[in-house]
Amino acid sequence: MSLIRLFSDFDGRIGLRTFWLGSVAVALTLLATERTLLLLTDHHQATVIIAFFKAFALFPWAALAAKRATDRGSTPLFGILLICAIVLPEHLRLVMPFGWRPSLEAIATMAWVVAFIDLGLMPSAAQEDGVAARPAGAKAAE
């Protein structure tokens, strides 16, 4: 699978290794961009550009999670919603009243734990094909 398709396509399946390598690549790219912008521009301008890059990083992470959720036997939407539940509460904290902040952090933490366990630790689901799952000498079901 090409890198462009890995980070931009929501179809297909990826294993644990590819999921982790892709996630680390997105995180390191985001971190390098953030550090570079803080060195090159003033703080206010850098925070605006960094917010844009963080929102943009949501897309490749969602693509990775969608493929990994498919590999785990779930729908791609499950992976996309998990990533959104992890990333979006951080951005909503700025506009929500103070009383909602602990709830948003709890939602993000729970989604992170579910994503870590389900997408990051669990093995691929066994793909059962009705024809291939039959023993060699079995008759076809009528």
N, C-alpha and C. Protein backbone atom coordinates (compact mmCIF):
# COMPACT_ATOMS: atom_id res chain seq x y z
N MET A 1 0.85 -1.17 0.00
CA MET A 1 0.00 0.00 0.00
C MET A 1 0.90 1.24 0.00
N SER A 2 0.60 2.18 -0.87
CA SER A 2 1.42 3.39 -0.96
C SER A 2 1.16 4.29 0.25
N LEU A 3 2.10 5.18 0.52
CA LEU A 3 1.96 6.09 1.66
C LEU A 3 0.78 7.03 1.48
N ILE A 4 0.57 7.49 0.27
CA ILE A 4 -0.56 8.40 0.03
C ILE A 4 -1.87 7.69 0.32
N ARG A 5 -1.99 6.46 -0.15
CA ARG A 5 -3.21 5.70 0.09
C ARG A 5 -3.34 5.34 1.58
N LEU A 6 -2.23 5.07 2.23
CA LEU A 6 -2.26 4.73 3.65
C LEU A 6 -2.84 5.86 4.48
N PHE A 7 -2.45 7.09 4.19
CA PHE A 7 -2.87 8.24 5.00
C PHE A 7 -4.09 8.97 4.48
N SER A 8 -4.61 8.59 3.31
CA SER A 8 -5.73 9.37 2.77
C SER A 8 -6.93 8.53 2.37
N ASP A 9 -6.81 7.22 2.35
CA ASP A 9 -7.90 6.36 1.90
C ASP A 9 -8.52 5.66 3.10
N PHE A 10 -9.83 5.54 3.10
CA PHE A 10 -10.52 4.90 4.21
C PHE A 10 -10.87 3.45 3.91
N ASP A 11 -10.50 2.95 2.75
CA ASP A 11 -10.78 1.56 2.37
C ASP A 11 -9.55 0.70 2.59
N GLY A 12 -9.78 -0.55 2.87
CA GLY A 12 -8.70 -1.50 3.02
C GLY A 12 -8.49 -1.89 4.47
N ARG A 13 -7.46 -2.69 4.67
CA ARG A 13 -7.11 -3.20 5.98
C ARG A 13 -5.62 -3.01 6.22
N ILE A 14 -5.26 -2.74 7.47
CA ILE A 14 -3.85 -2.68 7.84
C ILE A 14 -3.68 -3.45 9.15
N GLY A 15 -2.51 -4.00 9.33
CA GLY A 15 -2.19 -4.74 10.54
C GLY A 15 -1.68 -3.82 11.64
N LEU A 16 -1.35 -4.43 12.76
CA LEU A 16 -0.85 -3.68 13.91
C LEU A 16 0.40 -2.88 13.61
N ARG A 17 1.35 -3.52 12.95
CA ARG A 17 2.63 -2.85 12.69
C ARG A 17 2.44 -1.61 11.82
N THR A 18 1.68 -1.75 10.76
CA THR A 18 1.44 -0.61 9.88
C THR A 18 0.67 0.49 10.60
N PHE A 19 -0.29 0.10 11.43
CA PHE A 19 -1.06 1.08 12.20
C PHE A 19 -0.15 1.88 13.12
N TRP A 20 0.73 1.19 13.86
CA TRP A 20 1.61 1.88 14.79
C TRP A 20 2.65 2.74 14.05
N LEU A 21 3.22 2.21 12.99
CA LEU A 21 4.20 3.00 12.24
C LEU A 21 3.56 4.25 11.63
N GLY A 22 2.37 4.10 11.09
CA GLY A 22 1.66 5.26 10.53
C GLY A 22 1.30 6.27 11.60
N SER A 23 0.84 5.79 12.75
CA SER A 23 0.49 6.71 13.85
C SER A 23 1.70 7.46 14.37
N VAL A 24 2.82 6.77 14.49
CA VAL A 24 4.05 7.42 14.94
C VAL A 24 4.52 8.43 13.90
N ALA A 25 4.39 8.10 12.63
CA ALA A 25 4.80 9.03 11.57
C ALA A 25 3.96 10.31 11.61
N VAL A 26 2.66 10.18 11.80
CA VAL A 26 1.79 11.37 11.89
C VAL A 26 2.14 12.18 13.13
N ALA A 27 2.35 11.51 14.27
CA ALA A 27 2.67 12.22 15.51
C ALA A 27 4.01 12.94 15.42
N LEU A 28 5.02 12.28 14.85
CA LEU A 28 6.33 12.93 14.72
C LEU A 28 6.30 14.08 13.74
N THR A 29 5.54 13.94 12.67
CA THR A 29 5.40 15.04 11.72
C THR A 29 4.72 16.23 12.38
N LEU A 30 3.69 15.96 13.14
CA LEU A 30 2.99 17.03 13.85
C LEU A 30 3.90 17.69 14.89
N LEU A 31 4.66 16.89 15.62
CA LEU A 31 5.58 17.44 16.62
C LEU A 31 6.68 18.27 15.97
N ALA A 32 7.26 17.78 14.89
CA ALA A 32 8.31 18.52 14.20
C ALA A 32 7.78 19.84 13.64
N THR A 33 6.58 19.80 13.09
CA THR A 33 5.97 21.01 12.56
C THR A 33 5.72 22.02 13.67
N GLU A 34 5.22 21.54 14.80
CA GLU A 34 4.94 22.42 15.93
C GLU A 34 6.22 23.07 16.45
N ARG A 35 7.27 22.28 16.63
CA ARG A 35 8.53 22.84 17.15
C ARG A 35 9.16 23.82 16.16
N THR A 36 9.10 23.49 14.88
CA THR A 36 9.67 24.37 13.86
C THR A 36 8.93 25.70 13.81
N LEU A 37 7.60 25.65 13.86
CA LEU A 37 6.82 26.88 13.82
C LEU A 37 7.06 27.74 15.06
N LEU A 38 7.22 27.13 16.22
CA LEU A 38 7.50 27.90 17.42
C LEU A 38 8.85 28.60 17.35
N LEU A 39 9.80 28.00 16.64
CA LEU A 39 11.11 28.63 16.49
C LEU A 39 11.10 29.74 15.44
N LEU A 40 10.32 29.57 14.38
CA LEU A 40 10.36 30.49 13.24
C LEU A 40 9.40 31.67 13.34
N THR A 41 8.31 31.53 14.09
CA THR A 41 7.31 32.60 14.13
C THR A 41 7.05 33.00 15.58
N ASP A 42 6.31 34.10 15.74
CA ASP A 42 5.95 34.50 17.10
C ASP A 42 4.89 33.55 17.65
N HIS A 43 4.69 33.60 18.95
CA HIS A 43 3.86 32.61 19.64
C HIS A 43 2.41 32.62 19.15
N HIS A 44 1.82 33.81 18.99
CA HIS A 44 0.41 33.88 18.58
C HIS A 44 0.20 33.31 17.19
N GLN A 45 1.05 33.71 16.27
CA GLN A 45 0.94 33.22 14.89
C GLN A 45 1.19 31.71 14.83
N ALA A 46 2.13 31.23 15.63
CA ALA A 46 2.44 29.81 15.65
C ALA A 46 1.26 29.00 16.18
N THR A 47 0.57 29.50 17.21
CA THR A 47 -0.56 28.75 17.76
C THR A 47 -1.69 28.62 16.75
N VAL A 48 -1.91 29.63 15.94
CA VAL A 48 -2.95 29.57 14.92
C VAL A 48 -2.59 28.52 13.86
N ILE A 49 -1.36 28.55 13.41
CA ILE A 49 -0.92 27.59 12.38
C ILE A 49 -0.89 26.17 12.95
N ILE A 50 -0.47 26.02 14.19
CA ILE A 50 -0.43 24.70 14.84
C ILE A 50 -1.84 24.13 14.98
N ALA A 51 -2.80 24.99 15.31
CA ALA A 51 -4.19 24.52 15.41
C ALA A 51 -4.67 24.00 14.06
N PHE A 52 -4.28 24.66 12.98
CA PHE A 52 -4.63 24.18 11.64
C PHE A 52 -4.00 22.82 11.37
N PHE A 53 -2.72 22.66 11.70
CA PHE A 53 -2.04 21.39 11.47
C PHE A 53 -2.62 20.27 12.33
N LYS A 54 -3.02 20.58 13.56
CA LYS A 54 -3.64 19.56 14.40
C LYS A 54 -4.98 19.11 13.81
N ALA A 55 -5.74 20.06 13.29
CA ALA A 55 -7.00 19.69 12.64
C ALA A 55 -6.74 18.89 11.38
N PHE A 56 -5.69 19.24 10.65
CA PHE A 56 -5.34 18.50 9.44
C PHE A 56 -4.84 17.09 9.76
N ALA A 57 -4.17 16.92 10.90
CA ALA A 57 -3.66 15.60 11.31
C ALA A 57 -4.79 14.65 11.67
N LEU A 58 -5.96 15.19 11.92
CA LEU A 58 -7.12 14.34 12.21
C LEU A 58 -7.43 13.41 11.04
N PHE A 59 -7.25 13.89 9.82
CA PHE A 59 -7.60 13.10 8.64
C PHE A 59 -6.72 11.86 8.47
N PRO A 60 -5.38 11.96 8.49
CA PRO A 60 -4.59 10.73 8.35
C PRO A 60 -4.77 9.75 9.51
N TRP A 61 -4.96 10.27 10.73
CA TRP A 61 -5.21 9.38 11.85
C TRP A 61 -6.54 8.66 11.70
N ALA A 62 -7.54 9.38 11.20
CA ALA A 62 -8.85 8.75 10.97
C ALA A 62 -8.75 7.69 9.87
N ALA A 63 -7.95 7.96 8.84
CA ALA A 63 -7.77 6.97 7.77
C ALA A 63 -7.09 5.71 8.31
N LEU A 64 -6.08 5.88 9.14
CA LEU A 64 -5.41 4.73 9.75
C LEU A 64 -6.36 3.96 10.65
N ALA A 65 -7.13 4.67 11.46
CA ALA A 65 -8.06 4.01 12.38
C ALA A 65 -9.18 3.30 11.63
N ALA A 66 -9.64 3.88 10.54
CA ALA A 66 -10.70 3.24 9.75
C ALA A 66 -10.20 1.92 9.16
N LYS A 67 -8.99 1.93 8.64
CA LYS A 67 -8.43 0.68 8.08
C LYS A 67 -8.19 -0.35 9.18
N ARG A 68 -7.71 0.09 10.32
CA ARG A 68 -7.44 -0.84 11.41
C ARG A 68 -8.75 -1.39 11.98
N ALA A 69 -9.79 -0.56 12.08
CA ALA A 69 -11.08 -1.04 12.56
C ALA A 69 -11.65 -2.09 11.60
N THR A 70 -11.46 -1.88 10.30
CA THR A 70 -11.90 -2.87 9.32
C THR A 70 -11.13 -4.17 9.52
N ASP A 71 -9.84 -4.07 9.78
CA ASP A 71 -9.03 -5.25 10.01
C ASP A 71 -9.45 -5.99 11.28
N ARG A 72 -9.96 -5.26 12.25
CA ARG A 72 -10.43 -5.87 13.49
C ARG A 72 -11.83 -6.46 13.37
N GLY A 73 -12.50 -6.26 12.22
CA GLY A 73 -13.82 -6.83 12.01
C GLY A 73 -14.94 -5.85 12.29
N SER A 74 -14.63 -4.60 12.49
CA SER A 74 -15.63 -3.58 12.76
C SER A 74 -15.83 -2.73 11.51
N THR A 75 -16.64 -1.71 11.62
CA THR A 75 -16.84 -0.80 10.49
C THR A 75 -15.79 0.30 10.53
N PRO A 76 -15.46 0.89 9.39
CA PRO A 76 -14.51 2.01 9.39
C PRO A 76 -15.00 3.19 10.22
N LEU A 77 -16.31 3.35 10.30
CA LEU A 77 -16.87 4.47 11.07
C LEU A 77 -16.49 4.38 12.54
N PHE A 78 -16.36 3.18 13.07
CA PHE A 78 -15.94 3.00 14.47
C PHE A 78 -14.58 3.63 14.71
N GLY A 79 -13.62 3.37 13.83
CA GLY A 79 -12.30 3.96 13.97
C GLY A 79 -12.31 5.47 13.82
N ILE A 80 -13.09 5.96 12.87
CA ILE A 80 -13.17 7.41 12.66
C ILE A 80 -13.77 8.09 13.88
N LEU A 81 -14.84 7.52 14.43
CA LEU A 81 -15.47 8.12 15.62
C LEU A 81 -14.56 8.08 16.84
N LEU A 82 -13.77 7.02 16.98
CA LEU A 82 -12.82 6.97 18.09
C LEU A 82 -11.79 8.09 17.99
N ILE A 83 -11.25 8.28 16.82
CA ILE A 83 -10.26 9.35 16.64
C ILE A 83 -10.88 10.72 16.87
N CYS A 84 -12.09 10.93 16.37
CA CYS A 84 -12.77 12.20 16.60
C CYS A 84 -13.03 12.42 18.09
N ALA A 85 -13.41 11.36 18.82
CA ALA A 85 -13.66 11.48 20.25
C ALA A 85 -12.38 11.76 21.04
N ILE A 86 -11.25 11.39 20.48
CA ILE A 86 -9.97 11.66 21.14
C ILE A 86 -9.50 13.09 20.86
N VAL A 87 -9.60 13.52 19.61
CA VAL A 87 -9.00 14.79 19.20
C VAL A 87 -9.93 15.99 19.41
N LEU A 88 -11.19 15.87 19.09
CA LEU A 88 -12.08 17.03 19.10
C LEU A 88 -12.35 17.63 20.48
N PRO A 89 -12.46 16.86 21.56
CA PRO A 89 -12.69 17.51 22.86
C PRO A 89 -11.63 18.54 23.24
N GLU A 90 -10.40 18.33 22.81
CA GLU A 90 -9.35 19.33 23.10
C GLU A 90 -9.67 20.67 22.46
N HIS A 91 -10.22 20.62 21.25
CA HIS A 91 -10.57 21.86 20.56
C HIS A 91 -11.86 22.45 21.11
N LEU A 92 -12.76 21.62 21.60
CA LEU A 92 -14.02 22.11 22.17
C LEU A 92 -13.83 22.74 23.54
N ARG A 93 -12.78 22.35 24.24
CA ARG A 93 -12.53 22.91 25.58
C ARG A 93 -12.41 24.42 25.54
N LEU A 94 -11.90 24.96 24.46
CA LEU A 94 -11.68 26.39 24.38
C LEU A 94 -12.98 27.17 24.30
N VAL A 95 -14.04 26.56 23.77
CA VAL A 95 -15.30 27.28 23.58
C VAL A 95 -16.38 26.84 24.56
N MET A 96 -16.16 25.78 25.30
CA MET A 96 -17.16 25.28 26.25
C MET A 96 -16.96 25.95 27.61
N PRO A 97 -18.05 26.07 28.38
CA PRO A 97 -17.91 26.60 29.74
C PRO A 97 -17.01 25.69 30.59
N PHE A 98 -16.47 26.25 31.65
CA PHE A 98 -15.51 25.53 32.48
C PHE A 98 -16.08 24.23 33.04
N GLY A 99 -17.36 24.19 33.36
CA GLY A 99 -17.98 23.00 33.93
C GLY A 99 -17.96 21.79 33.02
N TRP A 100 -17.88 22.01 31.72
CA TRP A 100 -17.88 20.90 30.76
C TRP A 100 -16.49 20.31 30.55
N ARG A 101 -15.45 21.00 30.93
CA ARG A 101 -14.09 20.54 30.65
C ARG A 101 -13.76 19.17 31.23
N PRO A 102 -14.11 18.88 32.48
CA PRO A 102 -13.82 17.52 32.98
C PRO A 102 -14.55 16.43 32.20
N SER A 103 -15.77 16.72 31.77
CA SER A 103 -16.52 15.74 30.99
C SER A 103 -15.86 15.50 29.64
N LEU A 104 -15.39 16.56 29.00
CA LEU A 104 -14.72 16.41 27.71
C LEU A 104 -13.43 15.63 27.86
N GLU A 105 -12.69 15.90 28.93
CA GLU A 105 -11.46 15.15 29.17
C GLU A 105 -11.74 13.68 29.45
N ALA A 106 -12.84 13.40 30.16
CA ALA A 106 -13.20 12.01 30.44
C ALA A 106 -13.58 11.28 29.15
N ILE A 107 -14.32 11.95 28.28
CA ILE A 107 -14.70 11.35 26.99
C ILE A 107 -13.46 11.04 26.17
N ALA A 108 -12.54 11.99 26.10
CA ALA A 108 -11.32 11.78 25.33
C ALA A 108 -10.47 10.66 25.92
N THR A 109 -10.39 10.60 27.24
CA THR A 109 -9.60 9.56 27.89
C THR A 109 -10.20 8.18 27.66
N MET A 110 -11.52 8.06 27.80
CA MET A 110 -12.17 6.76 27.56
C MET A 110 -12.01 6.32 26.11
N ALA A 111 -12.16 7.26 25.18
CA ALA A 111 -12.00 6.93 23.76
C ALA A 111 -10.56 6.52 23.47
N TRP A 112 -9.60 7.19 24.11
CA TRP A 112 -8.20 6.84 23.91
C TRP A 112 -7.92 5.43 24.41
N VAL A 113 -8.46 5.07 25.56
CA VAL A 113 -8.24 3.73 26.12
C VAL A 113 -8.86 2.67 25.21
N VAL A 114 -10.09 2.91 24.74
CA VAL A 114 -10.74 1.96 23.84
C VAL A 114 -9.95 1.82 22.55
N ALA A 115 -9.51 2.94 21.99
CA ALA A 115 -8.74 2.91 20.74
C ALA A 115 -7.41 2.19 20.95
N PHE A 116 -6.74 2.47 22.06
CA PHE A 116 -5.46 1.83 22.33
C PHE A 116 -5.61 0.32 22.43
N ILE A 117 -6.63 -0.13 23.16
CA ILE A 117 -6.81 -1.57 23.34
C ILE A 117 -7.32 -2.22 22.06
N ASP A 118 -8.39 -1.67 21.49
CA ASP A 118 -9.01 -2.33 20.34
C ASP A 118 -8.18 -2.20 19.07
N LEU A 119 -7.74 -1.00 18.76
CA LEU A 119 -7.00 -0.79 17.51
C LEU A 119 -5.51 -1.05 17.66
N GLY A 120 -4.96 -0.78 18.84
CA GLY A 120 -3.52 -0.84 18.99
C GLY A 120 -2.95 -2.11 19.58
N LEU A 121 -3.77 -2.90 20.26
CA LEU A 121 -3.24 -4.10 20.90
C LEU A 121 -3.85 -5.40 20.40
N MET A 122 -5.11 -5.38 20.04
CA MET A 122 -5.80 -6.61 19.67
C MET A 122 -5.35 -7.09 18.29
N PRO A 123 -5.25 -8.40 18.10
CA PRO A 123 -4.83 -8.93 16.81
C PRO A 123 -5.93 -8.76 15.76
N SER A 124 -5.56 -8.97 14.52
CA SER A 124 -6.52 -8.89 13.42
C SER A 124 -7.59 -9.94 13.60
N ALA A 125 -8.80 -9.59 13.18
CA ALA A 125 -9.90 -10.55 13.24
C ALA A 125 -9.69 -11.59 12.15
N ALA A 126 -10.03 -12.82 12.46
CA ALA A 126 -9.90 -13.88 11.46
C ALA A 126 -10.96 -13.65 10.39
N GLN A 127 -10.53 -13.60 9.18
CA GLN A 127 -11.47 -13.39 8.09
C GLN A 127 -12.01 -14.75 7.67
N GLU A 128 -13.30 -14.93 7.90
CA GLU A 128 -13.91 -16.20 7.56
C GLU A 128 -14.65 -16.05 6.24
N ASP A 129 -14.27 -16.86 5.31
CA ASP A 129 -14.93 -16.92 4.03
C ASP A 129 -15.71 -18.22 4.00
N GLY A 130 -16.97 -18.15 3.65
CA GLY A 130 -17.81 -19.33 3.68
C GLY A 130 -17.27 -20.49 2.87
N VAL A 131 -16.67 -20.22 1.73
CA VAL A 131 -16.15 -21.27 0.87
C VAL A 131 -14.81 -21.77 1.40
N ALA A 132 -13.95 -20.88 1.79
CA ALA A 132 -12.61 -21.27 2.23
C ALA A 132 -12.63 -21.92 3.61
N ALA A 133 -13.67 -21.66 4.42
CA ALA A 133 -13.72 -22.20 5.76
C ALA A 133 -14.12 -23.67 5.79
N ARG A 134 -14.70 -24.19 4.71
CA ARG A 134 -15.11 -25.60 4.66
C ARG A 134 -13.89 -26.50 4.55
N PRO A 135 -13.94 -27.66 5.19
CA PRO A 135 -12.86 -28.63 5.01
C PRO A 135 -12.82 -29.12 3.56
N ALA A 136 -11.70 -29.68 3.17
CA ALA A 136 -11.49 -30.07 1.77
C ALA A 136 -12.51 -31.06 1.27
N GLY A 137 -12.97 -32.01 2.08
CA GLY A 137 -13.87 -33.04 1.60
C GLY A 137 -15.35 -32.77 1.88
N ALA A 138 -15.69 -31.59 2.42
CA ALA A 138 -17.08 -31.31 2.79
C ALA A 138 -17.93 -31.00 1.58
N LYS A 139 -19.22 -31.37 1.68
CA LYS A 139 -20.17 -31.06 0.60
C LYS A 139 -20.70 -29.65 0.80
N ALA A 140 -21.12 -29.04 -0.29
CA ALA A 140 -21.70 -27.71 -0.22
C ALA A 140 -23.05 -27.79 0.45
N ALA A 141 -23.40 -26.78 1.24
CA ALA A 141 -24.71 -26.74 1.90
C ALA A 141 -25.80 -26.54 0.88
N GLU A 142 -26.89 -27.27 1.07
CA GLU A 142 -28.00 -27.16 0.11
C GLU A 142 -29.13 -26.40 0.69
